PDB file of N, CA and C in Angstrom:
ATOM      1  N   UNK A   1     -13.650  -7.013  10.510  1.00  0.00           N
ATOM      2  CA  UNK A   1     -13.293  -6.056   9.474  1.00  0.00           C
ATOM      3  C   UNK A   1     -12.515  -6.779   8.390  1.00  0.00           C
ATOM      4  N   UNK A   2     -12.936  -6.613   7.146  1.00  0.00           N
ATOM      5  CA  UNK A   2     -12.235  -7.223   6.014  1.00  0.00           C
ATOM      6  C   UNK A   2     -11.627  -6.149   5.138  1.00  0.00           C
ATOM      7  N   UNK A   3     -10.396  -6.404   4.734  1.00  0.00           N
ATOM      8  CA  UNK A   3      -9.677  -5.520   3.824  1.00  0.00           C
ATOM      9  C   UNK A   3      -9.278  -6.344   2.612  1.00  0.00           C
ATOM     10  N   UNK A   4      -9.663  -5.888   1.440  1.00  0.00           N
ATOM     11  CA  UNK A   4      -9.377  -6.603   0.200  1.00  0.00           C
ATOM     12  C   UNK A   4      -8.366  -5.811  -0.603  1.00  0.00           C
ATOM     13  N   UNK A   5      -7.133  -6.336  -0.669  1.00  0.00           N
ATOM     14  CA  UNK A   5      -6.071  -5.667  -1.417  1.00  0.00           C
ATOM     15  C   UNK A   5      -5.904  -6.316  -2.778  1.00  0.00           C
ATOM     16  N   UNK A   6      -5.655  -5.497  -3.785  1.00  0.00           N
ATOM     17  CA  UNK A   6      -5.449  -6.034  -5.125  1.00  0.00           C
ATOM     18  C   UNK A   6      -4.656  -5.029  -5.951  1.00  0.00           C
ATOM     19  N   UNK A   7      -4.217  -5.482  -7.116  1.00  0.00           N
ATOM     20  CA  UNK A   7      -3.474  -4.611  -8.018  1.00  0.00           C
ATOM     21  C   UNK A   7      -2.023  -5.006  -8.212  1.00  0.00           C
ATOM     22  N   UNK A   8      -1.544  -5.998  -7.470  1.00  0.00           N
ATOM     23  CA  UNK A   8      -0.172  -6.429  -7.644  1.00  0.00           C
ATOM     24  C   UNK A   8       0.034  -7.135  -8.970  1.00  0.00           C
ATOM     25  N   UNK A   9       1.293  -7.403  -9.265  1.00  0.00           N
ATOM     26  CA  UNK A   9       1.607  -8.101 -10.502  1.00  0.00           C
ATOM     27  C   UNK A   9       3.075  -8.002 -10.828  1.00  0.00           C
ATOM     28  N   UNK A  10       3.401  -8.378 -12.045  1.00  0.00           N
ATOM     29  CA  UNK A  10       4.775  -8.342 -12.534  1.00  0.00           C
ATOM     30  C   UNK A  10       4.970  -7.078 -13.369  1.00  0.00           C
ATOM     31  N   UNK A  11       6.017  -6.342 -13.073  1.00  0.00           N
ATOM     32  CA  UNK A  11       6.292  -5.105 -13.790  1.00  0.00           C
ATOM     33  C   UNK A  11       7.796  -4.975 -13.985  1.00  0.00           C
ATOM     34  N   UNK A  12       8.193  -4.338 -15.063  1.00  0.00           N
ATOM     35  CA  UNK A  12       9.612  -4.129 -15.328  1.00  0.00           C
ATOM     36  C   UNK A  12      10.144  -2.970 -14.492  1.00  0.00           C
ATOM     37  N   UNK A  13      11.421  -2.972 -14.234  1.00  0.00           N
ATOM     38  CA  UNK A  13      12.018  -1.834 -13.524  1.00  0.00           C
ATOM     39  C   UNK A  13      11.700  -0.524 -14.238  1.00  0.00           C
ATOM     40  N   UNK A  14      11.353   0.470 -13.431  1.00  0.00           N
ATOM     41  CA  UNK A  14      10.950   1.758 -13.985  1.00  0.00           C
ATOM     42  C   UNK A  14       9.466   1.872 -14.243  1.00  0.00           C
ATOM     43  N   UNK A  15       8.759   0.778 -14.140  1.00  0.00           N
ATOM     44  CA  UNK A  15       7.329   0.769 -14.411  1.00  0.00           C
ATOM     45  C   UNK A  15       6.492   1.243 -13.236  1.00  0.00           C
ATOM     46  N   UNK A  16       5.181   1.165 -13.422  1.00  0.00           N
ATOM     47  CA  UNK A  16       4.233   1.651 -12.419  1.00  0.00           C
ATOM     48  C   UNK A  16       3.146   0.622 -12.151  1.00  0.00           C
ATOM     49  N   UNK A  17       2.632   0.687 -10.941  1.00  0.00           N
ATOM     50  CA  UNK A  17       1.480  -0.117 -10.544  1.00  0.00           C
ATOM     51  C   UNK A  17       0.670   0.701  -9.557  1.00  0.00           C
ATOM     52  N   UNK A  18      -0.609   0.426  -9.491  1.00  0.00           N
ATOM     53  CA  UNK A  18      -1.440   1.026  -8.455  1.00  0.00           C
ATOM     54  C   UNK A  18      -2.101  -0.086  -7.643  1.00  0.00           C
ATOM     55  N   UNK A  19      -1.834  -0.083  -6.374  1.00  0.00           N
ATOM     56  CA  UNK A  19      -2.482  -1.014  -5.464  1.00  0.00           C
ATOM     57  C   UNK A  19      -3.730  -0.356  -4.877  1.00  0.00           C
ATOM     58  N   UNK A  20      -4.727  -1.168  -4.640  1.00  0.00           N
ATOM     59  CA  UNK A  20      -5.964  -0.704  -4.019  1.00  0.00           C
ATOM     60  C   UNK A  20      -6.294  -1.601  -2.834  1.00  0.00           C
ATOM     61  N   UNK A  21      -6.942  -1.037  -1.869  1.00  0.00           N
ATOM     62  CA  UNK A  21      -7.384  -1.795  -0.704  1.00  0.00           C
ATOM     63  C   UNK A  21      -8.759  -1.284  -0.311  1.00  0.00           C
ATOM     64  N   UNK A  22      -9.727  -2.160  -0.409  1.00  0.00           N
ATOM     65  CA  UNK A  22     -11.110  -1.751  -0.189  1.00  0.00           C
ATOM     66  C   UNK A  22     -11.679  -2.440   1.035  1.00  0.00           C
ATOM     67  N   UNK A  23     -12.515  -1.729   1.755  1.00  0.00           N
ATOM     68  CA  UNK A  23     -13.187  -2.276   2.917  1.00  0.00           C
ATOM     69  C   UNK A  23     -14.629  -1.806   2.945  1.00  0.00           C
ATOM     70  N   UNK A  24     -15.411  -2.473   3.762  1.00  0.00           N
ATOM     71  CA  UNK A  24     -16.784  -2.022   3.975  1.00  0.00           C
ATOM     72  C   UNK A  24     -16.946  -1.448   5.382  1.00  0.00           C
ATOM     73  N   UNK A  25     -15.828  -1.344   6.110  1.00  0.00           N
ATOM     74  CA  UNK A  25     -15.875  -0.897   7.497  1.00  0.00           C
ATOM     75  C   UNK A  25     -16.391   0.532   7.604  1.00  0.00           C
ATOM     76  N   UNK A  26     -17.335   0.730   8.470  1.00  0.00           N
ATOM     77  CA  UNK A  26     -17.968   2.048   8.632  1.00  0.00           C
ATOM     78  C   UNK A  26     -16.997   3.096   9.169  1.00  0.00           C
ATOM     79  N   UNK A  27     -15.954   2.642   9.865  1.00  0.00           N
ATOM     80  CA  UNK A  27     -15.030   3.589  10.477  1.00  0.00           C
ATOM     81  C   UNK A  27     -13.968   4.094   9.506  1.00  0.00           C
ATOM     82  N   UNK A  28     -13.990   3.638   8.272  1.00  0.00           N
ATOM     83  CA  UNK A  28     -12.884   3.909   7.346  1.00  0.00           C
ATOM     84  C   UNK A  28     -12.497   5.381   7.320  1.00  0.00           C
ATOM     85  N   UNK A  29     -13.464   6.261   7.193  1.00  0.00           N
ATOM     86  CA  UNK A  29     -13.150   7.682   7.017  1.00  0.00           C
ATOM     87  C   UNK A  29     -12.550   8.305   8.267  1.00  0.00           C
ATOM     88  N   UNK A  30     -12.632   7.627   9.378  1.00  0.00           N
ATOM     89  CA  UNK A  30     -12.176   8.204  10.652  1.00  0.00           C
ATOM     90  C   UNK A  30     -10.897   7.571  11.175  1.00  0.00           C
ATOM     91  N   UNK A  31     -10.221   6.794  10.335  1.00  0.00           N
ATOM     92  CA  UNK A  31      -9.085   6.026  10.820  1.00  0.00           C
ATOM     93  C   UNK A  31      -7.927   6.089   9.833  1.00  0.00           C
ATOM     94  N   UNK A  32      -6.705   6.042  10.388  1.00  0.00           N
ATOM     95  CA  UNK A  32      -5.536   6.036   9.528  1.00  0.00           C
ATOM     96  C   UNK A  32      -5.377   4.728   8.781  1.00  0.00           C
ATOM     97  N   UNK A  33      -4.824   4.822   7.581  1.00  0.00           N
ATOM     98  CA  UNK A  33      -4.601   3.651   6.744  1.00  0.00           C
ATOM     99  C   UNK A  33      -3.116   3.539   6.421  1.00  0.00           C
ATOM    100  N   UNK A  34      -2.655   2.310   6.287  1.00  0.00           N
ATOM    101  CA  UNK A  34      -1.233   2.038   6.143  1.00  0.00           C
ATOM    102  C   UNK A  34      -0.998   1.008   5.040  1.00  0.00           C
ATOM    103  N   UNK A  35       0.124   1.163   4.356  1.00  0.00           N
ATOM    104  CA  UNK A  35       0.639   0.122   3.470  1.00  0.00           C
ATOM    105  C   UNK A  35       1.979  -0.350   4.024  1.00  0.00           C
ATOM    106  N   UNK A  36       2.087  -1.663   4.195  1.00  0.00           N
ATOM    107  CA  UNK A  36       3.326  -2.311   4.601  1.00  0.00           C
ATOM    108  C   UNK A  36       3.769  -3.221   3.462  1.00  0.00           C
ATOM    109  N   UNK A  37       5.000  -3.665   3.556  1.00  0.00           N
ATOM    110  CA  UNK A  37       5.474  -4.683   2.630  1.00  0.00           C
ATOM    111  C   UNK A  37       6.462  -5.595   3.341  1.00  0.00           C
ATOM    112  N   UNK A  38       6.531  -6.823   2.815  1.00  0.00           N
ATOM    113  CA  UNK A  38       7.531  -7.774   3.294  1.00  0.00           C
ATOM    114  C   UNK A  38       8.224  -8.367   2.084  1.00  0.00           C
ATOM    115  N   UNK A  39       9.502  -8.046   1.969  1.00  0.00           N
ATOM    116  CA  UNK A  39      10.308  -8.585   0.882  1.00  0.00           C
ATOM    117  C   UNK A  39      10.875  -9.941   1.301  1.00  0.00           C
ATOM    118  N   UNK A  40      11.218 -10.780   0.360  1.00  0.00           N
ATOM    119  CA  UNK A  40      11.785 -12.085   0.693  1.00  0.00           C
ATOM    120  C   UNK A  40      12.995 -11.951   1.606  1.00  0.00           C
ATOM    121  N   UNK A  41      12.976 -12.656   2.725  1.00  0.00           N
ATOM    122  CA  UNK A  41      14.114 -12.657   3.630  1.00  0.00           C
ATOM    123  C   UNK A  41      14.274 -11.415   4.477  1.00  0.00           C
ATOM    124  N   UNK A  42      13.266 -10.547   4.436  1.00  0.00           N
ATOM    125  CA  UNK A  42      13.379  -9.301   5.184  1.00  0.00           C
ATOM    126  C   UNK A  42      12.200  -9.125   6.130  1.00  0.00           C
ATOM    127  N   UNK A  43      12.361  -8.222   7.073  1.00  0.00           N
ATOM    128  CA  UNK A  43      11.288  -7.908   7.998  1.00  0.00           C
ATOM    129  C   UNK A  43      10.215  -7.072   7.295  1.00  0.00           C
ATOM    130  N   UNK A  44       9.025  -7.148   7.828  1.00  0.00           N
ATOM    131  CA  UNK A  44       7.968  -6.292   7.321  1.00  0.00           C
ATOM    132  C   UNK A  44       8.307  -4.839   7.607  1.00  0.00           C
ATOM    133  N   UNK A  45       8.019  -3.967   6.658  1.00  0.00           N
ATOM    134  CA  UNK A  45       8.329  -2.548   6.852  1.00  0.00           C
ATOM    135  C   UNK A  45       7.139  -1.689   6.432  1.00  0.00           C
ATOM    136  N   UNK A  46       7.009  -0.564   7.102  1.00  0.00           N
ATOM    137  CA  UNK A  46       5.966   0.401   6.770  1.00  0.00           C
ATOM    138  C   UNK A  46       6.403   1.183   5.538  1.00  0.00           C
ATOM    139  N   UNK A  47       5.538   1.231   4.559  1.00  0.00           N
ATOM    140  CA  UNK A  47       5.847   1.913   3.301  1.00  0.00           C
ATOM    141  C   UNK A  47       5.271   3.321   3.297  1.00  0.00           C
ATOM    142  N   UNK A  48       4.004   3.433   3.663  1.00  0.00           N
ATOM    143  CA  UNK A  48       3.329   4.727   3.617  1.00  0.00           C
ATOM    144  C   UNK A  48       2.097   4.681   4.503  1.00  0.00           C
ATOM    145  N   UNK A  49       1.688   5.841   4.978  1.00  0.00           N
ATOM    146  CA  UNK A  49       0.441   5.916   5.727  1.00  0.00           C
ATOM    147  C   UNK A  49      -0.252   7.235   5.440  1.00  0.00           C
ATOM    148  N   UNK A  50      -1.551   7.222   5.675  1.00  0.00           N
ATOM    149  CA  UNK A  50      -2.367   8.413   5.461  1.00  0.00           C
ATOM    150  C   UNK A  50      -3.351   8.512   6.615  1.00  0.00           C
ATOM    151  N   UNK A  51      -3.396   9.680   7.219  1.00  0.00           N
ATOM    152  CA  UNK A  51      -4.291   9.882   8.356  1.00  0.00           C
ATOM    153  C   UNK A  51      -5.728  10.061   7.882  1.00  0.00           C
ATOM    154  N   UNK A  52      -6.631  10.080   8.829  1.00  0.00           N
ATOM    155  CA  UNK A  52      -8.034  10.312   8.477  1.00  0.00           C
ATOM    156  C   UNK A  52      -8.212  11.683   7.836  1.00  0.00           C
ATOM    157  N   UNK A  53      -7.346  12.608   8.169  1.00  0.00           N
ATOM    158  CA  UNK A  53      -7.418  13.942   7.610  1.00  0.00           C
ATOM    159  C   UNK A  53      -6.645  14.132   6.320  1.00  0.00           C
ATOM    160  N   UNK A  54      -5.969  13.066   5.879  1.00  0.00           N
ATOM    161  CA  UNK A  54      -5.273  13.129   4.603  1.00  0.00           C
ATOM    162  C   UNK A  54      -3.784  13.419   4.681  1.00  0.00           C
ATOM    163  N   UNK A  55      -3.246  13.529   5.883  1.00  0.00           N
ATOM    164  CA  UNK A  55      -1.805  13.749   6.009  1.00  0.00           C
ATOM    165  C   UNK A  55      -1.075  12.457   5.665  1.00  0.00           C
ATOM    166  N   UNK A  56      -0.019  12.573   4.897  1.00  0.00           N
ATOM    167  CA  UNK A  56       0.702  11.396   4.416  1.00  0.00           C
ATOM    168  C   UNK A  56       2.135  11.370   4.932  1.00  0.00           C
ATOM    169  N   UNK A  57       2.672  10.171   4.986  1.00  0.00           N
ATOM    170  CA  UNK A  57       4.063   9.987   5.362  1.00  0.00           C
ATOM    171  C   UNK A  57       4.589   8.763   4.619  1.00  0.00           C
ATOM    172  N   UNK A  58       5.897   8.780   4.320  1.00  0.00           N
ATOM    173  CA  UNK A  58       6.483   7.729   3.504  1.00  0.00           C
ATOM    174  C   UNK A  58       7.815   7.264   4.073  1.00  0.00           C
ATOM    175  N   UNK A  59       8.120   6.012   3.819  1.00  0.00           N
ATOM    176  CA  UNK A  59       9.457   5.517   4.104  1.00  0.00           C
ATOM    177  C   UNK A  59      10.448   6.197   3.167  1.00  0.00           C
ATOM    178  N   UNK A  60      11.655   6.411   3.650  1.00  0.00           N
ATOM    179  CA  UNK A  60      12.660   7.082   2.826  1.00  0.00           C
ATOM    180  C   UNK A  60      12.880   6.361   1.495  1.00  0.00           C
ATOM    181  N   UNK A  61      12.763   5.037   1.527  1.00  0.00           N
ATOM    182  CA  UNK A  61      13.065   4.253   0.329  1.00  0.00           C
ATOM    183  C   UNK A  61      12.087   4.498  -0.816  1.00  0.00           C
ATOM    184  N   UNK A  62      10.912   5.054  -0.501  1.00  0.00           N
ATOM    185  CA  UNK A  62       9.893   5.215  -1.544  1.00  0.00           C
ATOM    186  C   UNK A  62       9.498   6.665  -1.760  1.00  0.00           C
ATOM    187  N   UNK A  63      10.045   7.573  -0.980  1.00  0.00           N
ATOM    188  CA  UNK A  63       9.695   8.984  -1.133  1.00  0.00           C
ATOM    189  C   UNK A  63       9.983   9.469  -2.545  1.00  0.00           C
ATOM    190  N   UNK A  64       9.010  10.180  -3.070  1.00  0.00           N
ATOM    191  CA  UNK A  64       9.154  10.707  -4.422  1.00  0.00           C
ATOM    192  C   UNK A  64       8.748   9.732  -5.510  1.00  0.00           C
ATOM    193  N   UNK A  65       8.526   8.484  -5.147  1.00  0.00           N
ATOM    194  CA  UNK A  65       8.128   7.465  -6.140  1.00  0.00           C
ATOM    195  C   UNK A  65       6.727   6.912  -5.874  1.00  0.00           C
ATOM    196  N   UNK A  66       6.354   6.809  -4.621  1.00  0.00           N
ATOM    197  CA  UNK A  66       5.061   6.253  -4.237  1.00  0.00           C
ATOM    198  C   UNK A  66       4.155   7.357  -3.716  1.00  0.00           C
ATOM    199  N   UNK A  67       2.859   7.197  -3.950  1.00  0.00           N
ATOM    200  CA  UNK A  67       1.872   8.133  -3.438  1.00  0.00           C
ATOM    201  C   UNK A  67       0.704   7.366  -2.846  1.00  0.00           C
ATOM    202  N   UNK A  68       0.400   7.654  -1.594  1.00  0.00           N
ATOM    203  CA  UNK A  68      -0.754   7.045  -0.936  1.00  0.00           C
ATOM    204  C   UNK A  68      -1.907   8.043  -0.976  1.00  0.00           C
ATOM    205  N   UNK A  69      -3.098   7.525  -1.201  1.00  0.00           N
ATOM    206  CA  UNK A  69      -4.283   8.376  -1.223  1.00  0.00           C
ATOM    207  C   UNK A  69      -5.476   7.560  -0.739  1.00  0.00           C
ATOM    208  N   UNK A  70      -6.555   8.270  -0.480  1.00  0.00           N
ATOM    209  CA  UNK A  70      -7.741   7.571   0.005  1.00  0.00           C
ATOM    210  C   UNK A  70      -8.998   8.168  -0.599  1.00  0.00           C
ATOM    211  N   UNK A  71      -9.997   7.337  -0.749  1.00  0.00           N
ATOM    212  CA  UNK A  71     -11.316   7.730  -1.240  1.00  0.00           C
ATOM    213  C   UNK A  71     -12.300   7.295  -0.171  1.00  0.00           C
ATOM    214  N   UNK A  72     -12.710   8.232   0.651  1.00  0.00           N
ATOM    215  CA  UNK A  72     -13.581   7.861   1.767  1.00  0.00           C
ATOM    216  C   UNK A  72     -14.971   7.427   1.311  1.00  0.00           C
ATOM    217  N   UNK A  73     -15.410   7.981   0.204  1.00  0.00           N
ATOM    218  CA  UNK A  73     -16.741   7.587  -0.279  1.00  0.00           C
ATOM    219  C   UNK A  73     -16.756   6.105  -0.656  1.00  0.00           C
ATOM    220  N   UNK A  74     -15.687   5.657  -1.310  1.00  0.00           N
ATOM    221  CA  UNK A  74     -15.616   4.259  -1.743  1.00  0.00           C
ATOM    222  C   UNK A  74     -14.839   3.380  -0.774  1.00  0.00           C
ATOM    223  N   UNK A  75     -14.416   3.964   0.364  1.00  0.00           N
ATOM    224  CA  UNK A  75     -13.729   3.210   1.415  1.00  0.00           C
ATOM    225  C   UNK A  75     -12.551   2.428   0.835  1.00  0.00           C
ATOM    226  N   UNK A  76     -11.752   3.155   0.093  1.00  0.00           N
ATOM    227  CA  UNK A  76     -10.610   2.537  -0.570  1.00  0.00           C
ATOM    228  C   UNK A  76      -9.359   3.379  -0.342  1.00  0.00           C
ATOM    229  N   UNK A  77      -8.260   2.717  -0.099  1.00  0.00           N
ATOM    230  CA  UNK A  77      -6.964   3.383  -0.022  1.00  0.00           C
ATOM    231  C   UNK A  77      -6.111   2.865  -1.179  1.00  0.00           C
ATOM    232  N   UNK A  78      -5.324   3.764  -1.746  1.00  0.00           N
ATOM    233  CA  UNK A  78      -4.510   3.440  -2.910  1.00  0.00           C
ATOM    234  C   UNK A  78      -3.033   3.641  -2.610  1.00  0.00           C
ATOM    235  N   UNK A  79      -2.220   2.914  -3.336  1.00  0.00           N
ATOM    236  CA  UNK A  79      -0.785   3.158  -3.334  1.00  0.00           C
ATOM    237  C   UNK A  79      -0.335   3.187  -4.785  1.00  0.00           C
ATOM    238  N   UNK A  80      -0.079   4.376  -5.281  1.00  0.00           N
ATOM    239  CA  UNK A  80       0.438   4.543  -6.643  1.00  0.00           C
ATOM    240  C   UNK A  80       1.943   4.433  -6.587  1.00  0.00           C
ATOM    241  N   UNK A  81       2.490   3.472  -7.320  1.00  0.00           N
ATOM    242  CA  UNK A  81       3.917   3.205  -7.288  1.00  0.00           C
ATOM    243  C   UNK A  81       4.497   3.465  -8.670  1.00  0.00           C
ATOM    244  N   UNK A  82       5.484   4.327  -8.721  1.00  0.00           N
ATOM    245  CA  UNK A  82       6.144   4.657  -9.974  1.00  0.00           C
ATOM    246  C   UNK A  82       7.645   4.473  -9.801  1.00  0.00           C
ATOM    247  N   UNK A  83       8.340   4.439 -10.913  1.00  0.00           N
ATOM    248  CA  UNK A  83       9.795   4.268 -10.845  1.00  0.00           C
ATOM    249  C   UNK A  83      10.192   3.038 -10.067  1.00  0.00           C
ATOM    250  N   UNK A  84       9.453   1.947 -10.281  1.00  0.00           N
ATOM    251  CA  UNK A  84       9.667   0.750  -9.478  1.00  0.00           C
ATOM    252  C   UNK A  84      11.063   0.173  -9.691  1.00  0.00           C
ATOM    253  N   UNK A  85      11.604  -0.344  -8.602  1.00  0.00           N
ATOM    254  CA  UNK A  85      12.931  -0.938  -8.596  1.00  0.00           C
ATOM    255  C   UNK A  85      12.820  -2.410  -8.211  1.00  0.00           C
ATOM    256  N   UNK A  86      13.840  -3.165  -8.550  1.00  0.00           N
ATOM    257  CA  UNK A  86      13.851  -4.583  -8.198  1.00  0.00           C
ATOM    258  C   UNK A  86      13.663  -4.769  -6.689  1.00  0.00           C
ATOM    259  N   UNK A  87      14.245  -3.869  -5.930  1.00  0.00           N
ATOM    260  CA  UNK A  87      14.146  -3.977  -4.464  1.00  0.00           C
ATOM    261  C   UNK A  87      12.771  -3.637  -3.909  1.00  0.00           C
ATOM    262  N   UNK A  88      11.850  -3.201  -4.746  1.00  0.00           N
ATOM    263  CA  UNK A  88      10.470  -2.998  -4.314  1.00  0.00           C
ATOM    264  C   UNK A  88       9.670  -4.295  -4.349  1.00  0.00           C
ATOM    265  N   UNK A  89      10.262  -5.346  -4.874  1.00  0.00           N
ATOM    266  CA  UNK A  89       9.590  -6.640  -4.913  1.00  0.00           C
ATOM    267  C   UNK A  89       9.244  -7.092  -3.501  1.00  0.00           C
ATOM    268  N   UNK A  90       7.957  -7.375  -3.273  1.00  0.00           N
ATOM    269  CA  UNK A  90       7.497  -7.735  -1.934  1.00  0.00           C
ATOM    270  C   UNK A  90       6.014  -8.067  -2.001  1.00  0.00           C
ATOM    271  N   UNK A  91       5.530  -8.641  -0.914  1.00  0.00           N
ATOM    272  CA  UNK A  91       4.095  -8.728  -0.708  1.00  0.00           C
ATOM    273  C   UNK A  91       3.682  -7.463   0.029  1.00  0.00           C
ATOM    274  N   UNK A  92       2.707  -6.773  -0.523  1.00  0.00           N
ATOM    275  CA  UNK A  92       2.229  -5.517   0.039  1.00  0.00           C
ATOM    276  C   UNK A  92       0.912  -5.761   0.773  1.00  0.00           C
ATOM    277  N   UNK A  93       0.837  -5.215   1.973  1.00  0.00           N
ATOM    278  CA  UNK A  93      -0.321  -5.394   2.829  1.00  0.00           C
ATOM    279  C   UNK A  93      -0.916  -4.039   3.188  1.00  0.00           C
ATOM    280  N   UNK A  94      -2.220  -3.953   3.164  1.00  0.00           N
ATOM    281  CA  UNK A  94      -2.852  -2.758   3.714  1.00  0.00           C
ATOM    282  C   UNK A  94      -3.271  -3.037   5.150  1.00  0.00           C
ATOM    283  N   UNK A  95      -3.327  -1.979   5.896  1.00  0.00           N
ATOM    284  CA  UNK A  95      -3.635  -2.078   7.327  1.00  0.00           C
ATOM    285  C   UNK A  95      -4.519  -0.906   7.722  1.00  0.00           C
ATOM    286  N   UNK A  96      -5.486  -1.218   8.554  1.00  0.00           N
ATOM    287  CA  UNK A  96      -6.393  -0.188   9.033  1.00  0.00           C
ATOM    288  C   UNK A  96      -6.140   0.052  10.504  1.00  0.00           C
ATOM    289  N   UNK A  97      -5.782   1.274  10.818  1.00  0.00           N
ATOM    290  CA  UNK A  97      -5.662   1.668  12.207  1.00  0.00           C
ATOM    291  C   UNK A  97      -4.632   0.908  13.003  1.00  0.00           C
ATOM    292  N   UNK A  98      -3.673   0.319  12.320  1.00  0.00           N
ATOM    293  CA  UNK A  98      -2.646  -0.500  12.981  1.00  0.00           C
ATOM    294  C   UNK A  98      -3.278  -1.680  13.721  1.00  0.00           C
ATOM    295  N   UNK A  99      -4.436  -2.103  13.263  1.00  0.00           N
ATOM    296  CA  UNK A  99      -5.150  -3.191  13.910  1.00  0.00           C
ATOM    297  C   UNK A  99      -5.572  -4.296  12.951  1.00  0.00           C
ATOM    298  N   UNK A 100      -6.074  -3.925  11.796  1.00  0.00           N
ATOM    299  CA  UNK A 100      -6.674  -4.904  10.888  1.00  0.00           C
ATOM    300  C   UNK A 100      -5.843  -4.994   9.608  1.00  0.00           C
ATOM    301  N   UNK A 101      -5.651  -6.244   9.148  1.00  0.00           N
ATOM    302  CA  UNK A 101      -4.777  -6.484   8.003  1.00  0.00           C
ATOM    303  C   UNK A 101      -5.540  -7.056   6.819  1.00  0.00           C
ATOM    304  N   UNK A 102      -5.119  -6.635   5.621  1.00  0.00           N
ATOM    305  CA  UNK A 102      -5.572  -7.267   4.408  1.00  0.00           C
ATOM    306  C   UNK A 102      -4.738  -8.500   4.126  1.00  0.00           C
ATOM    307  N   UNK A 103      -5.069  -9.209   3.040  1.00  0.00           N
ATOM    308  CA  UNK A 103      -4.431 -10.492   2.766  1.00  0.00           C
ATOM    309  C   UNK A 103      -3.120 -10.373   2.006  1.00  0.00           C
ATOM    310  N   UNK A 104      -2.775  -9.220   1.519  1.00  0.00           N
ATOM    311  CA  UNK A 104      -1.524  -9.049   0.798  1.00  0.00           C
ATOM    312  C   UNK A 104      -1.666  -9.242  -0.692  1.00  0.00           C
ATOM    313  N   UNK A 105      -0.889  -8.484  -1.440  1.00  0.00           N
ATOM    314  CA  UNK A 105      -0.831  -8.624  -2.888  1.00  0.00           C
ATOM    315  C   UNK A 105       0.633  -8.547  -3.306  1.00  0.00           C
ATOM    316  N   UNK A 106       1.032  -9.467  -4.191  1.00  0.00           N
ATOM    317  CA  UNK A 106       2.436  -9.608  -4.554  1.00  0.00           C
ATOM    318  C   UNK A 106       2.803  -8.653  -5.678  1.00  0.00           C
ATOM    319  N   UNK A 107       3.869  -7.903  -5.461  1.00  0.00           N
ATOM    320  CA  UNK A 107       4.451  -7.044  -6.489  1.00  0.00           C
ATOM    321  C   UNK A 107       5.834  -7.592  -6.822  1.00  0.00           C
ATOM    322  N   UNK A 108       6.043  -7.900  -8.089  1.00  0.00           N
ATOM    323  CA  UNK A 108       7.327  -8.404  -8.546  1.00  0.00           C
ATOM    324  C   UNK A 108       7.877  -7.455  -9.598  1.00  0.00           C
ATOM    325  N   UNK A 109       9.054  -6.918  -9.315  1.00  0.00           N
ATOM    326  CA  UNK A 109       9.706  -6.008 -10.258  1.00  0.00           C
ATOM    327  C   UNK A 109      10.907  -6.744 -10.838  1.00  0.00           C
ATOM    328  N   UNK A 110      10.819  -7.031 -12.121  1.00  0.00           N
ATOM    329  CA  UNK A 110      11.859  -7.823 -12.756  1.00  0.00           C
ATOM    330  C   UNK A 110      11.850  -7.588 -14.255  1.00  0.00           C
ATOM    331  N   UNK A 111      13.031  -7.665 -14.838  1.00  0.00           N
ATOM    332  CA  UNK A 111      13.128  -7.559 -16.290  1.00  0.00           C
ATOM    333  C   UNK A 111      13.106  -8.941 -16.930  1.00  0.00           C
TER     334      UNK A 111
END
């Protein structure tokens, strides 16, 4: 299973980015999807997840600022990030079913 994550980049504090993670896996529509991140010097943490049925959950640090969504037809999961803070700087990884990992995309929030 391959997961291709993209959309990271450099953004100023308060700005927005949308991350995407695309796969060709046939099971996509039937499995939960997750976004994790690892900030420099910190442990990897779960940012958001979305069930196969569309139920979402978020880490407290991103509630109200980030939105996870999925497009089952295009086998893509998104993470819309708004109100970005310097502390959101990290490599963001998508994960399928708590089993398969994408390669990560770097988000840098800096003025």
